[in-house]
Amino acid sequence: MPMPDWNVRELTPGQLSERSGVAVSALHFYEKQGLIVSRRTSGNQRRYPRETLRRVAFIRISQKVGIPLAEIRQALAELPEGRTPTKRDWAKLSARWHADLDHRIAQLVRLRDDLTGCIGCGCLSMTSCALANPNDELAKSGPGARRLDVDL
């Protein structure tokens, strides 16, 4: 598919897909989730504003760092007039998400470090848990793999 001119105002789903690297089905999903918008032509075909490229890039990067779609939608809704995120917007949002990402990183590091010897007292190793979790003391903290929860 030939690339659209740099100054074209609207993109077809195929053009947006090719340019953004996101499948057309994902674009339709993003639209259903209220993350992007399109208009319909007289022939009922979707057309996306060119600025949607930046919005899709914002969504993809946010997803890659583990931000749930609901939070991405909320962040995009806070932008004035539903505009495309700028570098300043990204800096503000990434600062807001920083603590959550730090928390997840800490959980992943703990999982990596404890993975070979234990699943975190869920419990898979009765012999080593007799030392790490005598008499199932961690059960008082709640169900599941308690040792890997960094909030404890």
N, C-alpha and C. Protein backbone atom coordinates (compact mmCIF):
# COMPACT_ATOMS: atom_id res chain seq x y z
N MET A 1 0.84 -1.17 0.00
CA MET A 1 0.00 0.00 0.00
C MET A 1 0.89 1.24 0.00
N PRO A 2 0.67 2.16 -0.92
CA PRO A 2 1.50 3.37 -0.95
C PRO A 2 1.22 4.25 0.26
N MET A 3 2.28 4.87 0.75
CA MET A 3 2.13 5.75 1.90
C MET A 3 1.40 7.02 1.47
N PRO A 4 0.53 7.53 2.35
CA PRO A 4 -0.17 8.77 2.02
C PRO A 4 0.80 9.94 2.06
N ASP A 5 0.46 11.01 1.36
CA ASP A 5 1.28 12.22 1.41
C ASP A 5 1.38 12.68 2.86
N TRP A 6 2.49 13.33 3.18
CA TRP A 6 2.73 13.76 4.56
C TRP A 6 1.69 14.76 5.04
N ASN A 7 1.06 15.49 4.10
CA ASN A 7 0.13 16.53 4.52
C ASN A 7 -1.34 16.14 4.38
N VAL A 8 -1.61 14.86 4.11
CA VAL A 8 -3.00 14.41 4.01
C VAL A 8 -3.65 14.53 5.39
N ARG A 9 -4.89 14.99 5.43
CA ARG A 9 -5.57 15.24 6.71
C ARG A 9 -6.19 13.99 7.32
N GLU A 10 -6.57 13.01 6.50
CA GLU A 10 -7.22 11.81 7.01
C GLU A 10 -6.58 10.57 6.42
N LEU A 11 -6.65 9.49 7.21
CA LEU A 11 -6.08 8.22 6.79
C LEU A 11 -7.17 7.15 6.80
N THR A 12 -7.06 6.24 5.87
CA THR A 12 -7.95 5.08 5.88
C THR A 12 -7.47 4.15 6.98
N PRO A 13 -8.28 3.19 7.40
CA PRO A 13 -7.80 2.22 8.39
C PRO A 13 -6.54 1.49 7.93
N GLY A 14 -6.48 1.13 6.65
CA GLY A 14 -5.30 0.45 6.13
C GLY A 14 -4.05 1.32 6.20
N GLN A 15 -4.19 2.59 5.85
CA GLN A 15 -3.06 3.50 5.91
C GLN A 15 -2.60 3.72 7.36
N LEU A 16 -3.55 3.91 8.25
CA LEU A 16 -3.21 4.09 9.66
C LEU A 16 -2.55 2.83 10.21
N SER A 17 -3.05 1.68 9.82
CA SER A 17 -2.48 0.41 10.26
C SER A 17 -1.04 0.27 9.78
N GLU A 18 -0.82 0.53 8.51
CA GLU A 18 0.53 0.38 7.96
C GLU A 18 1.50 1.37 8.59
N ARG A 19 1.06 2.59 8.73
CA ARG A 19 1.93 3.65 9.26
C ARG A 19 2.22 3.45 10.76
N SER A 20 1.24 2.97 11.51
CA SER A 20 1.40 2.82 12.96
C SER A 20 1.94 1.45 13.37
N GLY A 21 1.83 0.46 12.47
CA GLY A 21 2.25 -0.89 12.81
C GLY A 21 1.24 -1.63 13.66
N VAL A 22 0.01 -1.13 13.71
CA VAL A 22 -1.06 -1.73 14.51
C VAL A 22 -2.10 -2.30 13.55
N ALA A 23 -2.53 -3.52 13.81
CA ALA A 23 -3.51 -4.18 12.94
C ALA A 23 -4.81 -3.38 12.88
N VAL A 24 -5.47 -3.46 11.75
CA VAL A 24 -6.76 -2.78 11.57
C VAL A 24 -7.74 -3.23 12.65
N SER A 25 -7.74 -4.51 12.98
CA SER A 25 -8.65 -5.00 14.02
C SER A 25 -8.36 -4.33 15.37
N ALA A 26 -7.08 -4.07 15.66
CA ALA A 26 -6.73 -3.37 16.90
C ALA A 26 -7.21 -1.92 16.86
N LEU A 27 -7.12 -1.30 15.70
CA LEU A 27 -7.62 0.07 15.56
C LEU A 27 -9.12 0.12 15.83
N HIS A 28 -9.84 -0.85 15.28
CA HIS A 28 -11.29 -0.93 15.52
C HIS A 28 -11.56 -1.14 17.02
N PHE A 29 -10.75 -1.98 17.65
CA PHE A 29 -10.89 -2.22 19.08
C PHE A 29 -10.63 -0.93 19.87
N TYR A 30 -9.55 -0.22 19.53
CA TYR A 30 -9.26 1.05 20.20
C TYR A 30 -10.42 2.02 20.06
N GLU A 31 -11.02 2.02 18.88
CA GLU A 31 -12.15 2.90 18.64
C GLU A 31 -13.35 2.51 19.51
N LYS A 32 -13.63 1.22 19.60
CA LYS A 32 -14.73 0.75 20.45
C LYS A 32 -14.47 1.08 21.91
N GLN A 33 -13.20 1.11 22.31
CA GLN A 33 -12.83 1.41 23.69
C GLN A 33 -12.79 2.92 23.97
N GLY A 34 -13.02 3.73 22.94
CA GLY A 34 -13.03 5.17 23.13
C GLY A 34 -11.65 5.80 23.17
N LEU A 35 -10.65 5.10 22.66
CA LEU A 35 -9.28 5.61 22.68
C LEU A 35 -8.97 6.46 21.46
N ILE A 36 -9.58 6.14 20.34
CA ILE A 36 -9.42 6.92 19.11
C ILE A 36 -10.81 7.11 18.49
N VAL A 37 -10.91 8.05 17.57
CA VAL A 37 -12.18 8.31 16.90
C VAL A 37 -11.97 8.37 15.39
N SER A 38 -13.03 8.09 14.67
CA SER A 38 -13.01 8.22 13.22
C SER A 38 -14.31 8.88 12.80
N ARG A 39 -14.34 9.30 11.59
CA ARG A 39 -15.59 9.77 11.00
C ARG A 39 -15.94 8.79 9.90
N ARG A 40 -17.19 8.78 9.50
CA ARG A 40 -17.65 7.91 8.42
C ARG A 40 -17.89 8.74 7.17
N THR A 41 -17.43 8.20 6.04
CA THR A 41 -17.68 8.85 4.76
C THR A 41 -19.12 8.57 4.34
N SER A 42 -19.53 9.15 3.24
CA SER A 42 -20.88 8.89 2.72
C SER A 42 -21.05 7.42 2.35
N GLY A 43 -19.94 6.74 2.07
CA GLY A 43 -19.97 5.30 1.78
C GLY A 43 -19.78 4.45 3.02
N ASN A 44 -19.88 5.06 4.21
CA ASN A 44 -19.76 4.40 5.50
C ASN A 44 -18.36 3.81 5.75
N GLN A 45 -17.34 4.43 5.18
CA GLN A 45 -15.96 4.00 5.41
C GLN A 45 -15.33 4.88 6.48
N ARG A 46 -14.50 4.28 7.31
CA ARG A 46 -13.84 5.03 8.38
C ARG A 46 -12.72 5.90 7.80
N ARG A 47 -12.57 7.07 8.40
CA ARG A 47 -11.43 7.95 8.12
C ARG A 47 -10.95 8.49 9.46
N TYR A 48 -9.66 8.35 9.67
CA TYR A 48 -9.06 8.81 10.92
C TYR A 48 -8.29 10.10 10.68
N PRO A 49 -8.39 11.05 11.60
CA PRO A 49 -7.55 12.24 11.48
C PRO A 49 -6.08 11.83 11.55
N ARG A 50 -5.23 12.51 10.83
CA ARG A 50 -3.81 12.15 10.80
C ARG A 50 -3.19 12.15 12.20
N GLU A 51 -3.69 13.02 13.08
CA GLU A 51 -3.16 13.09 14.45
C GLU A 51 -3.35 11.78 15.20
N THR A 52 -4.21 10.92 14.69
CA THR A 52 -4.45 9.63 15.34
C THR A 52 -3.17 8.79 15.38
N LEU A 53 -2.25 9.04 14.44
CA LEU A 53 -0.96 8.34 14.46
C LEU A 53 -0.26 8.53 15.80
N ARG A 54 -0.21 9.77 16.27
CA ARG A 54 0.45 10.05 17.54
C ARG A 54 -0.33 9.44 18.69
N ARG A 55 -1.64 9.47 18.62
CA ARG A 55 -2.48 8.90 19.67
C ARG A 55 -2.27 7.39 19.76
N VAL A 56 -2.19 6.73 18.60
CA VAL A 56 -1.95 5.28 18.59
C VAL A 56 -0.55 4.98 19.14
N ALA A 57 0.43 5.79 18.79
CA ALA A 57 1.78 5.60 19.32
C ALA A 57 1.77 5.73 20.85
N PHE A 58 1.04 6.72 21.35
CA PHE A 58 0.90 6.93 22.79
C PHE A 58 0.28 5.69 23.46
N ILE A 59 -0.78 5.16 22.84
CA ILE A 59 -1.46 3.97 23.38
C ILE A 59 -0.50 2.79 23.42
N ARG A 60 0.22 2.56 22.32
CA ARG A 60 1.13 1.41 22.23
C ARG A 60 2.27 1.50 23.24
N ILE A 61 2.86 2.68 23.37
CA ILE A 61 3.96 2.85 24.33
C ILE A 61 3.44 2.64 25.75
N SER A 62 2.27 3.20 26.04
CA SER A 62 1.67 3.03 27.37
C SER A 62 1.43 1.56 27.66
N GLN A 63 0.92 0.84 26.65
CA GLN A 63 0.69 -0.60 26.84
C GLN A 63 2.00 -1.34 27.06
N LYS A 64 3.04 -0.97 26.33
CA LYS A 64 4.32 -1.66 26.45
C LYS A 64 4.92 -1.53 27.84
N VAL A 65 4.63 -0.43 28.52
CA VAL A 65 5.15 -0.28 29.88
C VAL A 65 4.15 -0.81 30.91
N GLY A 66 3.08 -1.43 30.43
CA GLY A 66 2.17 -2.13 31.32
C GLY A 66 0.98 -1.34 31.83
N ILE A 67 0.69 -0.21 31.23
CA ILE A 67 -0.45 0.59 31.67
C ILE A 67 -1.72 -0.03 31.10
N PRO A 68 -2.70 -0.32 31.94
CA PRO A 68 -3.96 -0.91 31.46
C PRO A 68 -4.73 0.08 30.56
N LEU A 69 -5.49 -0.46 29.61
CA LEU A 69 -6.25 0.38 28.69
C LEU A 69 -7.20 1.33 29.41
N ALA A 70 -7.77 0.91 30.51
CA ALA A 70 -8.69 1.79 31.25
C ALA A 70 -7.96 3.05 31.72
N GLU A 71 -6.73 2.91 32.18
CA GLU A 71 -5.94 4.07 32.62
C GLU A 71 -5.52 4.92 31.43
N ILE A 72 -5.20 4.28 30.31
CA ILE A 72 -4.84 5.02 29.11
C ILE A 72 -6.03 5.85 28.64
N ARG A 73 -7.22 5.24 28.65
CA ARG A 73 -8.44 5.94 28.24
C ARG A 73 -8.68 7.16 29.14
N GLN A 74 -8.52 6.95 30.45
CA GLN A 74 -8.71 8.04 31.40
C GLN A 74 -7.72 9.17 31.14
N ALA A 75 -6.47 8.82 30.89
CA ALA A 75 -5.44 9.83 30.63
C ALA A 75 -5.77 10.61 29.36
N LEU A 76 -6.17 9.92 28.30
CA LEU A 76 -6.51 10.59 27.05
C LEU A 76 -7.74 11.48 27.21
N ALA A 77 -8.68 11.05 28.04
CA ALA A 77 -9.90 11.83 28.26
C ALA A 77 -9.61 13.14 28.99
N GLU A 78 -8.52 13.18 29.75
CA GLU A 78 -8.17 14.38 30.50
C GLU A 78 -7.53 15.45 29.63
N LEU A 79 -7.13 15.10 28.42
CA LEU A 79 -6.51 16.08 27.55
C LEU A 79 -7.57 17.07 27.07
N PRO A 80 -7.22 18.34 26.96
CA PRO A 80 -8.20 19.33 26.50
C PRO A 80 -8.74 18.99 25.11
N GLU A 81 -10.04 19.03 24.98
CA GLU A 81 -10.72 18.80 23.70
C GLU A 81 -10.32 17.49 23.04
N GLY A 82 -9.91 16.51 23.83
CA GLY A 82 -9.56 15.20 23.29
C GLY A 82 -8.40 15.24 22.31
N ARG A 83 -7.51 16.23 22.47
CA ARG A 83 -6.43 16.39 21.50
C ARG A 83 -5.38 15.30 21.63
N THR A 84 -4.48 15.28 20.68
CA THR A 84 -3.39 14.32 20.66
C THR A 84 -2.37 14.66 21.74
N PRO A 85 -1.83 13.67 22.44
CA PRO A 85 -0.85 13.94 23.49
C PRO A 85 0.43 14.55 22.94
N THR A 86 0.98 15.48 23.68
CA THR A 86 2.25 16.12 23.34
C THR A 86 3.36 15.53 24.21
N LYS A 87 4.57 15.96 23.96
CA LYS A 87 5.70 15.51 24.78
C LYS A 87 5.47 15.92 26.24
N ARG A 88 4.95 17.12 26.45
CA ARG A 88 4.67 17.59 27.81
C ARG A 88 3.61 16.71 28.48
N ASP A 89 2.57 16.34 27.72
CA ASP A 89 1.53 15.45 28.25
C ASP A 89 2.13 14.12 28.67
N TRP A 90 3.00 13.56 27.82
CA TRP A 90 3.62 12.27 28.13
C TRP A 90 4.45 12.39 29.41
N ALA A 91 5.19 13.47 29.57
CA ALA A 91 6.01 13.66 30.77
C ALA A 91 5.11 13.70 32.01
N LYS A 92 4.01 14.41 31.93
CA LYS A 92 3.09 14.52 33.08
C LYS A 92 2.48 13.16 33.41
N LEU A 93 2.02 12.44 32.38
CA LEU A 93 1.39 11.15 32.62
C LEU A 93 2.39 10.11 33.09
N SER A 94 3.58 10.12 32.50
CA SER A 94 4.57 9.12 32.91
C SER A 94 5.00 9.36 34.35
N ALA A 95 5.03 10.62 34.80
CA ALA A 95 5.35 10.90 36.20
C ALA A 95 4.26 10.33 37.10
N ARG A 96 3.02 10.45 36.66
CA ARG A 96 1.89 9.93 37.45
C ARG A 96 1.96 8.40 37.53
N TRP A 97 2.43 7.76 36.47
CA TRP A 97 2.49 6.30 36.43
C TRP A 97 3.78 5.74 37.03
N HIS A 98 4.70 6.61 37.36
CA HIS A 98 6.03 6.20 37.82
C HIS A 98 5.97 5.28 39.03
N ALA A 99 5.22 5.64 40.05
CA ALA A 99 5.15 4.84 41.28
C ALA A 99 4.59 3.45 41.00
N ASP A 100 3.56 3.38 40.17
CA ASP A 100 2.98 2.08 39.82
C ASP A 100 3.99 1.22 39.08
N LEU A 101 4.74 1.82 38.18
CA LEU A 101 5.76 1.06 37.45
C LEU A 101 6.87 0.59 38.38
N ASP A 102 7.28 1.45 39.32
CA ASP A 102 8.29 1.05 40.30
C ASP A 102 7.80 -0.15 41.11
N HIS A 103 6.54 -0.13 41.50
CA HIS A 103 5.95 -1.23 42.26
C HIS A 103 5.99 -2.53 41.45
N ARG A 104 5.61 -2.45 40.18
CA ARG A 104 5.63 -3.65 39.35
C ARG A 104 7.04 -4.15 39.09
N ILE A 105 7.98 -3.24 38.93
CA ILE A 105 9.38 -3.63 38.74
C ILE A 105 9.87 -4.37 39.98
N ALA A 106 9.55 -3.86 41.16
CA ALA A 106 9.97 -4.51 42.40
C ALA A 106 9.38 -5.91 42.51
N GLN A 107 8.11 -6.06 42.12
CA GLN A 107 7.49 -7.38 42.13
C GLN A 107 8.19 -8.33 41.17
N LEU A 108 8.51 -7.85 39.98
CA LEU A 108 9.18 -8.70 39.00
C LEU A 108 10.58 -9.10 39.44
N VAL A 109 11.32 -8.18 40.05
CA VAL A 109 12.65 -8.49 40.55
C VAL A 109 12.56 -9.55 41.64
N ARG A 110 11.61 -9.38 42.53
CA ARG A 110 11.44 -10.37 43.60
C ARG A 110 11.03 -11.73 43.02
N LEU A 111 10.15 -11.73 42.04
CA LEU A 111 9.75 -12.97 41.39
C LEU A 111 10.96 -13.64 40.75
N ARG A 112 11.75 -12.87 40.01
CA ARG A 112 12.94 -13.42 39.36
C ARG A 112 13.88 -14.03 40.39
N ASP A 113 14.13 -13.30 41.47
CA ASP A 113 15.09 -13.75 42.47
C ASP A 113 14.61 -14.96 43.27
N ASP A 114 13.31 -15.09 43.47
CA ASP A 114 12.75 -16.18 44.28
C ASP A 114 12.23 -17.35 43.44
N LEU A 115 12.20 -17.21 42.16
CA LEU A 115 11.52 -18.17 41.30
C LEU A 115 12.10 -19.58 41.38
N THR A 116 13.41 -19.72 41.42
CA THR A 116 13.97 -21.07 41.36
C THR A 116 13.74 -21.87 42.63
N GLY A 117 13.74 -21.23 43.79
CA GLY A 117 13.59 -21.96 45.03
C GLY A 117 12.17 -22.07 45.52
N CYS A 118 11.30 -21.20 45.07
CA CYS A 118 9.97 -21.16 45.66
C CYS A 118 9.02 -20.40 44.74
N ILE A 119 7.78 -20.74 44.80
CA ILE A 119 6.78 -20.01 44.04
C ILE A 119 6.16 -18.92 44.91
N GLY A 120 6.73 -18.68 46.07
CA GLY A 120 6.28 -17.59 46.92
C GLY A 120 5.33 -18.03 48.01
N CYS A 121 5.41 -19.26 48.40
CA CYS A 121 4.53 -19.85 49.42
C CYS A 121 3.10 -19.84 48.97
N GLY A 122 2.93 -20.59 47.91
CA GLY A 122 1.59 -20.79 47.37
C GLY A 122 0.98 -22.10 47.77
N CYS A 123 1.60 -23.21 47.97
CA CYS A 123 2.95 -23.66 48.27
C CYS A 123 3.27 -24.90 47.41
N LEU A 124 4.46 -24.90 46.82
CA LEU A 124 4.86 -26.03 45.98
C LEU A 124 5.99 -26.85 46.58
N SER A 125 6.65 -26.36 47.61
CA SER A 125 7.78 -27.07 48.18
C SER A 125 7.60 -27.24 49.68
N MET A 126 7.06 -28.36 50.08
CA MET A 126 6.79 -28.58 51.49
C MET A 126 8.07 -28.67 52.32
N THR A 127 9.17 -29.15 51.73
CA THR A 127 10.40 -29.28 52.52
C THR A 127 11.03 -27.93 52.81
N SER A 128 11.15 -27.06 51.81
CA SER A 128 11.76 -25.76 52.10
C SER A 128 10.79 -24.83 52.80
N CYS A 129 9.51 -25.02 52.62
CA CYS A 129 8.54 -24.15 53.31
C CYS A 129 8.49 -24.44 54.80
N ALA A 130 8.96 -25.60 55.21
CA ALA A 130 9.03 -25.87 56.65
C ALA A 130 10.00 -24.89 57.31
N LEU A 131 10.98 -24.38 56.54
CA LEU A 131 11.92 -23.40 57.06
C LEU A 131 11.46 -21.97 56.78
N ALA A 132 10.99 -21.71 55.56
CA ALA A 132 10.61 -20.36 55.15
C ALA A 132 9.23 -19.95 55.65
N ASN A 133 8.35 -20.94 55.84
CA ASN A 133 6.98 -20.66 56.25
C ASN A 133 6.50 -21.72 57.24
N PRO A 134 7.13 -21.79 58.41
CA PRO A 134 6.76 -22.84 59.37
C PRO A 134 5.30 -22.69 59.80
N ASN A 135 4.64 -23.85 59.87
CA ASN A 135 3.24 -23.92 60.27
C ASN A 135 2.33 -23.02 59.44
N ASP A 136 2.74 -22.77 58.19
CA ASP A 136 1.95 -21.97 57.25
C ASP A 136 1.56 -20.61 57.82
N GLU A 137 2.54 -19.94 58.44
CA GLU A 137 2.31 -18.61 59.04
C GLU A 137 1.82 -17.59 58.01
N LEU A 138 2.26 -17.72 56.75
CA LEU A 138 1.87 -16.75 55.74
C LEU A 138 0.39 -16.82 55.39
N ALA A 139 -0.28 -17.90 55.76
CA ALA A 139 -1.71 -18.02 55.49
C ALA A 139 -2.50 -16.90 56.18
N LYS A 140 -1.98 -16.38 57.28
CA LYS A 140 -2.65 -15.29 58.00
C LYS A 140 -2.69 -14.00 57.17
N SER A 141 -1.76 -13.89 56.22
CA SER A 141 -1.70 -12.69 55.37
C SER A 141 -2.66 -12.75 54.19
N GLY A 142 -3.28 -13.89 53.99
CA GLY A 142 -4.23 -14.01 52.89
C GLY A 142 -3.84 -15.10 51.93
N PRO A 143 -4.69 -15.32 50.92
CA PRO A 143 -4.43 -16.41 49.97
C PRO A 143 -3.36 -16.04 48.95
N GLY A 144 -2.84 -17.06 48.32
CA GLY A 144 -1.92 -16.86 47.19
C GLY A 144 -0.46 -16.83 47.59
N ALA A 145 0.36 -16.45 46.63
CA ALA A 145 1.81 -16.41 46.80
C ALA A 145 2.19 -15.16 47.58
N ARG A 146 2.28 -15.26 48.88
CA ARG A 146 2.46 -14.11 49.77
C ARG A 146 3.89 -13.55 49.76
N ARG A 147 4.89 -14.38 49.65
CA ARG A 147 6.28 -13.88 49.71
C ARG A 147 6.63 -13.01 48.54
N LEU A 148 5.97 -13.14 47.43
CA LEU A 148 6.30 -12.35 46.26
C LEU A 148 5.53 -11.04 46.21
N ASP A 149 4.64 -10.82 47.14
CA ASP A 149 3.89 -9.57 47.19
C ASP A 149 4.75 -8.54 47.93
N VAL A 150 5.24 -7.53 47.21
CA VAL A 150 6.19 -6.58 47.81
C VAL A 150 5.53 -5.62 48.79
N ASP A 151 4.21 -5.64 48.90
CA ASP A 151 3.54 -4.76 49.84
C ASP A 151 3.56 -5.32 51.25
N LEU A 152 3.96 -6.57 51.42
CA LEU A 152 3.97 -7.18 52.76
C LEU A 152 5.12 -6.69 53.59
